[in-house]
Amino acid sequence: MIVLLIYVAIFVAAFFLVKLFVHKTTRDFTARKTVTFGDESAVRPNRIASVVSVLTIFLLWGAFTGSAWVPGFLHAPGPFVGDASFTYTAEAEGVEPDSATVTVRVFPVGEEVEAPEVDPGEGWAKDDSDTVGAWRSGLIRVDRNDEYGRDAGHTVVAVNGTPIAPGGEVITEFGRVGMSPKGTLNFEPRKGWQMEPIWLPPPEAVVARLKEIAQDGYRDSTLWEHLGWSLFRVIAGFFFGALIGIPLGYAMGLSDWFRGWFDPIVEFMRPVPPLALIPLVIIWAGIGEVGKIILLFLAALWIMAIAARSGVSGVKISKVHAAYSLGASKAQIMRHVIVPNSLPEIFTGARVAMGVCWGTVVAAELVAAEKGAGMMIMVASKFQLTDIVIMGIILIGVIGFGIDILMRLAEKALVPWKGRG
């Protein structure tokens, strides 16, 4: 929630700053268009907003992971590391209550440290020491070196002067001191706002892992082989999905019989997630490459069919009547009116289908894949190698974004009339 609020605040501040200081000093002829609302050609990506957006995500990632690539003053409060202490008060049968101090050395996870040496003191309750990893918690048996143990009714009744009972807790400046149902104290150091590396590693850890896998490979295959196999599966599945889906969509858009016959099938299969089809694909096609491509084919098929159908249905009837009045045949209307005017919808559907295929490739590579970015992610997740998981996600996103850019360029070259009526 804190990250979301900061992100929204940066978005709002950047919007007004760019409007105030940048747009007033530049010439934007788009604003001179008579009609901009609803005109796609009048709405273009603001490059400053794109750069600020990416930088914001990077800075938030670095700030909440304590990254060395982000200035220290931007870091969110991190976990407590160092020597913490608290005082407990204990009671035992036949003696007055006594107090002692516990010193806990909180260390970064992965390091080896020893408990600090402390003077036990002169009372029957002796000072103690222990170690706890950052972001962790640990039970502390304060009675283990006291002169009166549990056999003498040893009971902790207060921490730092605040009464405590089984199931209760006391918040100190170093963290939380709780008491288990059996009366044992549990110390949990202050965690701060930063994420533990096992949940979200800093950017430099992900980049270091990328360099390592690019040089040494992962599970007997190079990084480029993993990405190449994923790319091949996605392109193959998308190709066959478009090869069948586009003609099917045209047929549904031009024929009431085809529309009535296939509409229930398409509308039934469209909301079914590809993940739900994995068991059937395994039963029907096995666990080889064919099964993976079939799964991606089904992910793209229905999207492309709906996009083509929508493109045909959206052609203005006035254009068809104009072509007929000029003596065009049905084949000429199909070639010069229907297809050109439906291409914008088909390209939009293709971009959506490609994104869905990239999202499905991880699931497809769960089916006994030996190579692929999805396989790399799933294997790493089993061993909690979060840096490899994030690296794989970023690579899939970058490649998918690159493909989307290529499709945008192709659309711009092949369908220059999109958004112009």
Foldseek 3Di string as FASTA:
>chain_A
DVLVVVLVVLLVVVVVVCVVPPVVVDDDCLVVDPDQVLQPVSDDDDVVSVVSNVVSVQLSLCQQQVHPVHDPVSHFDFFDAAKDKKKWWKDFPPDDIDIEMEIEGEHAPPDDDDWDDDAQDDDQQGYYTYYDYAQGKDWDQSQPRGNDHVVRVIATQDMNNHGADAVGWDADPQGIWHAHNVRIIMGHGGGTRHDDVLVRHRPVLLVVVVVVQCVVNDLPDGPCFQAVVLVVLLVLLQVLLLVPQLVLLQCLQPDVVSVVVCVVVLVVLQVPQLLVCLVVLCVPPNLDSVSLSPSLNSLLNSLLSNLNNVQQNPFDVVVVVVCVVVPDDPVCCVVPGSVLSSVVSNLVSSLVSSVSSLVCSLSSCVSPHSGHLSVQLVVCVVVSVVSSNVSSVVVSVVVSVVVNVVSVVVCCVSRVCPSVD
